[in-house]
């Protein structure tokens, strides 16, 4: 199995990242946030193509898959990995659909460690 590091960004004044290509048959194992992250948990959207319609990733009860997040830390995405695996492309949200948290200051780079079979 191979590991790779991928980056996406949430631009100033927005809460949703640019599309991130996880690659074929890959899944996220960790998500890193910058030290100047505006406090918010993470939720996700998925899509099969980079330019397609991204949709919210929810569990069978309709709840958004959420990663409790902190600035300047790595966060395990092991529990989320099976959920992300069918989607080659994802977007990361700061906050939730109902309560998005716009990032302030510099562009916020999000680092994702991806494992491929």
Protein backbone atom coordinates (compact mmCIF):
# COMPACT_ATOMS: atom_id res chain seq x y z
CA UNK A 1 0.00 0.00 0.00
CA UNK A 2 1.12 3.50 -0.81
CA UNK A 3 0.65 6.73 1.11
CA UNK A 4 0.52 10.18 -0.44
CA UNK A 5 -0.03 13.71 0.81
CA UNK A 6 -2.67 15.85 -0.85
CA UNK A 7 -3.63 19.46 -0.22
CA UNK A 8 -6.70 21.56 -0.79
CA UNK A 9 -7.64 25.02 0.40
CA UNK A 10 -10.52 26.98 1.81
CA UNK A 11 -10.26 30.52 0.55
CA UNK A 12 -10.71 33.59 2.70
CA UNK A 13 -14.36 34.34 3.44
CA UNK A 14 -15.60 30.89 2.39
CA UNK A 15 -16.30 27.61 4.18
CA UNK A 16 -15.99 25.00 1.40
CA UNK A 17 -12.69 23.79 -0.04
CA UNK A 18 -11.68 23.42 -3.63
CA UNK A 19 -12.12 19.85 -4.95
CA UNK A 20 -9.56 17.34 -3.71
CA UNK A 21 -8.67 14.32 -5.85
CA UNK A 22 -8.13 11.40 -3.47
CA UNK A 23 -7.14 9.12 -6.37
CA UNK A 24 -8.48 5.74 -7.42
CA UNK A 25 -9.22 3.19 -4.70
CA UNK A 26 -7.88 5.54 -2.05
CA UNK A 27 -9.08 6.67 1.31
CA UNK A 28 -8.15 9.31 3.82
CA UNK A 29 -6.32 8.30 6.97
CA UNK A 30 -5.55 11.72 8.48
CA UNK A 31 -6.46 15.37 8.01
CA UNK A 32 -4.17 18.20 9.10
CA UNK A 33 -5.26 21.78 9.72
CA UNK A 34 -3.12 24.93 9.80
CA UNK A 35 -2.34 26.76 13.04
CA UNK A 36 -4.45 29.76 12.02
CA UNK A 37 -7.61 27.69 11.45
CA UNK A 38 -10.79 29.55 12.43
CA UNK A 39 -12.41 27.18 14.96
CA UNK A 40 -14.84 24.77 13.30
CA UNK A 41 -15.38 21.06 12.87
CA UNK A 42 -15.19 19.46 9.42
CA UNK A 43 -17.95 18.02 7.23
CA UNK A 44 -17.63 16.72 3.67
CA UNK A 45 -19.11 16.53 0.20
CA UNK A 46 -18.34 13.82 -2.36
CA UNK A 47 -18.49 13.41 -6.13
CA UNK A 48 -17.33 10.94 -8.80
CA UNK A 49 -15.94 13.68 -11.07
CA UNK A 50 -14.11 16.95 -10.35
CA UNK A 51 -16.76 19.12 -12.01
CA UNK A 52 -19.88 17.12 -11.09
CA UNK A 53 -22.53 17.79 -8.46
CA UNK A 54 -21.03 17.48 -4.98
CA UNK A 55 -23.41 16.15 -2.34
CA UNK A 56 -23.28 16.01 1.43
CA UNK A 57 -21.82 12.88 3.05
CA UNK A 58 -24.27 11.61 5.66
CA UNK A 59 -24.67 8.43 7.70
CA UNK A 60 -27.70 6.13 7.40
CA UNK A 61 -29.59 8.31 9.90
CA UNK A 62 -29.07 11.41 7.77
CA UNK A 63 -26.46 13.00 10.04
CA UNK A 64 -23.44 14.68 8.47
CA UNK A 65 -20.16 12.81 8.89
CA UNK A 66 -18.18 15.13 11.14
CA UNK A 67 -14.57 15.29 12.24
CA UNK A 68 -14.00 17.22 15.46
CA UNK A 69 -11.17 19.55 14.49
CA UNK A 70 -8.60 21.84 16.11
CA UNK A 71 -6.13 24.32 14.68
CA UNK A 72 -2.59 23.11 14.06
CA UNK A 73 -3.35 19.43 14.63
CA UNK A 74 -3.66 16.14 12.77
CA UNK A 75 -7.04 14.40 12.99
CA UNK A 76 -7.61 10.70 12.42
CA UNK A 77 -10.00 10.02 9.57
CA UNK A 78 -10.04 6.25 10.06
CA UNK A 79 -13.75 6.16 10.95
CA UNK A 80 -14.52 8.33 7.92
CA UNK A 81 -12.37 6.34 5.47
CA UNK A 82 -15.04 3.84 4.39
CA UNK A 83 -17.43 6.73 3.77
CA UNK A 84 -14.94 8.63 1.61
CA UNK A 85 -13.65 5.62 -0.32
CA UNK A 86 -16.39 5.52 -3.01
CA UNK A 87 -15.72 9.17 -3.87
CA UNK A 88 -12.64 10.04 -5.85
CA UNK A 89 -13.28 13.75 -5.32
CA UNK A 90 -14.24 15.44 -2.07
CA UNK A 91 -14.70 18.93 -0.67
CA UNK A 92 -14.03 19.74 2.96
CA UNK A 93 -16.32 22.15 4.77
CA UNK A 94 -15.51 24.32 7.74
CA UNK A 95 -18.62 23.83 9.86
CA UNK A 96 -21.87 22.28 8.64
CA UNK A 97 -24.42 22.95 5.89
CA UNK A 98 -26.68 24.66 8.43
CA UNK A 99 -23.83 26.54 10.17
CA UNK A 100 -20.87 27.02 7.84
CA UNK A 101 -17.85 28.79 9.34
CA UNK A 102 -16.10 31.11 6.90
CA UNK A 103 -12.35 31.07 7.30
CA UNK A 104 -10.65 34.39 7.98
CA UNK A 105 -7.13 35.60 7.31
CA UNK A 106 -4.78 33.77 4.97
CA UNK A 107 -5.85 30.97 2.67
CA UNK A 108 -6.33 27.83 4.78
CA UNK A 109 -4.49 24.80 3.42
CA UNK A 110 -5.85 21.44 4.49
CA UNK A 111 -3.50 18.47 4.23
CA UNK A 112 -4.88 14.97 3.76
CA UNK A 113 -2.82 11.79 4.02
CA UNK A 114 -4.25 9.25 1.60
CA UNK A 115 -3.66 5.50 1.52
CA UNK A 116 -4.04 3.56 -1.74
CA UNK A 117 -4.44 -0.17 -2.16
